[in-house]
N, C-alpha and C. Protein backbone atom coordinates (compact mmCIF):
# COMPACT_ATOMS: atom_id res chain seq x y z
N ASP A 1 67.39 118.00 136.28
CA ASP A 1 68.97 118.29 135.81
C ASP A 1 69.34 117.09 135.27
N ILE A 2 69.34 116.93 133.94
CA ILE A 2 70.06 115.55 133.38
C ILE A 2 71.40 114.96 133.66
N GLY A 3 72.26 116.11 133.86
CA GLY A 3 73.83 115.89 134.33
C GLY A 3 74.01 115.87 135.48
N HIS A 4 72.97 116.00 136.35
CA HIS A 4 73.11 116.08 137.90
C HIS A 4 73.97 114.88 138.52
N TRP A 5 74.93 114.96 139.44
CA TRP A 5 75.37 113.80 139.85
C TRP A 5 74.63 112.67 140.45
N ASP A 6 73.59 112.98 140.94
CA ASP A 6 72.79 111.80 141.32
C ASP A 6 71.89 111.08 140.38
N VAL A 7 71.96 111.21 139.13
CA VAL A 7 71.35 110.70 138.06
C VAL A 7 71.97 109.28 137.72
N PRO A 8 71.56 108.15 138.00
CA PRO A 8 72.31 107.08 137.79
C PRO A 8 72.23 106.75 136.18
N ASP A 9 71.16 107.09 135.59
CA ASP A 9 70.87 106.59 134.21
C ASP A 9 70.25 107.67 133.39
N MET A 10 71.29 108.39 132.47
CA MET A 10 70.68 109.73 131.85
C MET A 10 69.65 109.18 130.80
N ASN A 11 69.89 107.97 130.29
CA ASN A 11 69.10 107.50 129.21
C ASN A 11 67.41 107.73 129.86
N GLU A 12 67.23 107.29 131.13
CA GLU A 12 65.84 107.29 131.70
C GLU A 12 65.35 108.97 131.74
N VAL A 13 66.39 109.89 132.04
CA VAL A 13 66.03 110.92 132.23
C VAL A 13 65.54 111.75 130.75
N THR A 14 66.34 111.51 129.80
CA THR A 14 66.10 112.09 128.71
C THR A 14 64.76 111.32 127.99
N GLU A 15 64.80 110.30 128.30
CA GLU A 15 63.20 109.58 127.82
C GLU A 15 62.06 110.15 128.40
N GLU A 16 62.37 110.70 129.76
CA GLU A 16 61.15 111.16 130.52
C GLU A 16 61.04 112.57 129.99
N ALA A 17 62.22 113.24 129.72
CA ALA A 17 62.01 114.68 129.20
C ALA A 17 61.43 114.66 127.86
N TYR A 18 61.81 113.68 126.96
CA TYR A 18 61.32 113.64 125.75
C TYR A 18 59.69 113.43 125.55
N GLU A 19 59.12 113.11 126.52
CA GLU A 19 57.52 113.01 126.54
C GLU A 19 57.02 114.35 126.53
N LEU A 20 57.61 115.46 126.65
CA LEU A 20 57.22 116.78 126.39
C LEU A 20 57.13 117.02 125.01
N VAL A 21 57.64 116.47 124.25
CA VAL A 21 57.70 116.44 122.75
C VAL A 21 56.49 115.45 122.50
N GLU A 22 56.38 114.43 122.72
CA GLU A 22 55.44 113.39 122.51
C GLU A 22 54.14 113.98 123.07
N LYS A 23 53.91 114.73 123.95
CA LYS A 23 52.62 115.30 124.51
C LYS A 23 52.33 116.70 123.79
N GLY A 24 53.09 117.12 122.90
CA GLY A 24 53.14 118.28 122.25
C GLY A 24 53.17 119.61 122.89
N ILE A 25 53.72 119.23 123.94
CA ILE A 25 54.05 120.62 124.91
C ILE A 25 55.29 121.48 124.36
N PHE A 26 56.33 120.64 123.86
CA PHE A 26 57.51 121.23 123.45
C PHE A 26 57.66 120.71 121.83
N SER A 27 58.17 121.68 120.95
CA SER A 27 58.46 121.28 119.75
C SER A 27 59.79 120.53 119.76
N ASP A 28 60.39 119.99 118.49
CA ASP A 28 61.62 119.55 118.55
C ASP A 28 62.51 120.40 118.79
N ASP A 29 62.63 121.78 118.11
CA ASP A 29 63.57 122.91 118.47
C ASP A 29 63.45 123.14 119.92
N ASP A 30 62.20 123.25 120.60
CA ASP A 30 62.05 123.59 122.17
C ASP A 30 63.06 122.52 123.12
N PHE A 31 62.86 121.43 122.54
CA PHE A 31 63.48 120.17 123.13
C PHE A 31 65.24 120.18 122.93
N ARG A 32 65.53 120.74 121.71
CA ARG A 32 67.04 120.90 121.58
C ARG A 32 67.40 121.93 122.34
N ASP A 33 66.74 123.28 122.34
CA ASP A 33 67.25 124.15 123.23
C ASP A 33 67.23 123.67 124.58
N PHE A 34 66.33 122.95 125.11
CA PHE A 34 66.05 122.47 126.65
C PHE A 34 67.49 121.49 127.14
N VAL A 35 67.80 120.57 126.00
CA VAL A 35 68.80 119.77 126.44
C VAL A 35 70.07 120.10 125.90
N PHE A 36 70.25 121.02 124.97
CA PHE A 36 71.34 121.14 124.33
C PHE A 36 71.97 122.65 124.54
N VAL A 37 71.04 123.51 123.67
CA VAL A 37 71.50 124.82 123.61
C VAL A 37 71.50 125.53 124.88
N ASN A 38 70.33 125.50 125.72
CA ASN A 38 70.36 126.13 127.11
C ASN A 38 71.69 125.56 128.01
N PRO A 39 71.79 124.38 128.11
CA PRO A 39 73.14 123.90 128.89
C PRO A 39 74.47 124.44 128.08
N ALA A 40 74.65 124.29 126.90
CA ALA A 40 75.75 124.83 126.39
C ALA A 40 76.15 126.22 126.49
N GLU A 41 75.08 127.23 126.49
CA GLU A 41 75.16 128.60 126.82
C GLU A 41 75.50 128.78 128.17
N PHE A 42 74.77 127.96 129.25
CA PHE A 42 75.04 128.42 130.56
C PHE A 42 76.58 128.01 130.67
N TRP A 43 76.93 126.70 130.38
CA TRP A 43 78.55 126.38 130.79
C TRP A 43 79.45 126.86 129.96
N SER A 44 79.33 127.87 128.91
CA SER A 44 80.06 128.35 128.21
C SER A 44 80.21 130.07 128.49
N SER A 45 79.00 130.53 129.37
CA SER A 45 78.98 131.76 129.18
C SER A 45 79.96 132.21 130.24
N GLY A 46 80.54 131.67 131.12
CA GLY A 46 81.68 132.00 131.97
C GLY A 46 83.12 131.77 131.60
N ASN A 47 83.08 130.68 130.72
CA ASN A 47 84.11 130.26 129.99
C ASN A 47 83.93 129.92 128.50
N PRO A 48 84.19 130.74 127.51
CA PRO A 48 83.85 130.01 126.19
C PRO A 48 84.57 128.94 125.65
N GLU A 49 85.82 128.53 126.33
CA GLU A 49 86.48 127.38 126.06
C GLU A 49 86.01 126.15 127.04
N PHE A 50 85.19 126.18 127.46
CA PHE A 50 84.53 125.22 128.72
C PHE A 50 84.46 123.58 127.89
N PHE A 51 84.15 123.69 126.77
CA PHE A 51 84.06 122.40 125.82
C PHE A 51 85.06 122.09 124.93
N SER A 52 85.98 122.98 124.98
CA SER A 52 87.21 122.50 124.04
C SER A 52 87.89 121.39 124.51
N GLY A 53 88.11 120.42 123.33
CA GLY A 53 88.78 119.22 123.74
C GLY A 53 87.76 118.31 124.18
N THR A 54 86.42 118.33 124.12
CA THR A 54 85.44 117.33 124.33
C THR A 54 84.96 116.94 123.13
N VAL A 55 83.87 115.58 123.10
CA VAL A 55 83.51 115.14 122.04
C VAL A 55 82.34 116.12 121.34
N VAL A 56 81.82 117.29 122.29
CA VAL A 56 80.83 118.07 121.92
C VAL A 56 81.27 119.41 121.32
N GLU A 57 82.76 119.60 121.36
CA GLU A 57 83.31 120.76 120.69
C GLU A 57 82.66 121.46 119.73
N ASP A 58 82.61 120.44 118.71
CA ASP A 58 82.39 121.06 117.36
C ASP A 58 80.80 121.30 117.12
N ALA A 59 80.01 120.55 117.95
CA ALA A 59 78.35 120.85 118.11
C ALA A 59 78.17 122.20 118.90
N VAL A 60 78.99 122.68 119.89
CA VAL A 60 78.86 123.48 120.66
C VAL A 60 79.39 124.98 120.30
N ARG A 61 80.40 124.72 119.31
CA ARG A 61 81.10 126.06 118.65
C ARG A 61 80.12 127.15 118.23
N PRO A 62 78.95 126.42 117.18
CA PRO A 62 78.14 127.70 116.67
C PRO A 62 77.29 128.30 117.96
N VAL A 63 76.75 127.69 118.95
CA VAL A 63 76.10 128.19 120.08
C VAL A 63 77.03 129.24 120.73
N VAL A 64 78.10 128.98 121.09
CA VAL A 64 79.23 130.05 121.49
C VAL A 64 79.33 131.15 120.70
N GLN A 65 79.61 130.77 119.47
CA GLN A 65 79.66 132.18 118.52
C GLN A 65 78.56 132.87 118.08
N ARG A 66 77.71 132.40 118.23
CA ARG A 66 76.32 133.07 118.52
C ARG A 66 75.89 133.91 119.45
N ARG A 67 76.48 133.91 120.64
CA ARG A 67 76.15 134.65 121.72
C ARG A 67 77.14 135.97 121.40
């Protein structure tokens, strides 16, 4: 969980996660879903305004509207 409270450095976690792309296990689209689309859908499913007023609001909007 990249955003978990006990992750001291998110750069290290995402670097490790990206190895799935480098090893050919994930495509670029799979990786985007894994680190962005799936969490955005999860957090906005109970509250579509969850990301309102944040720096990712504009990026998340199409994901929320697609549901």
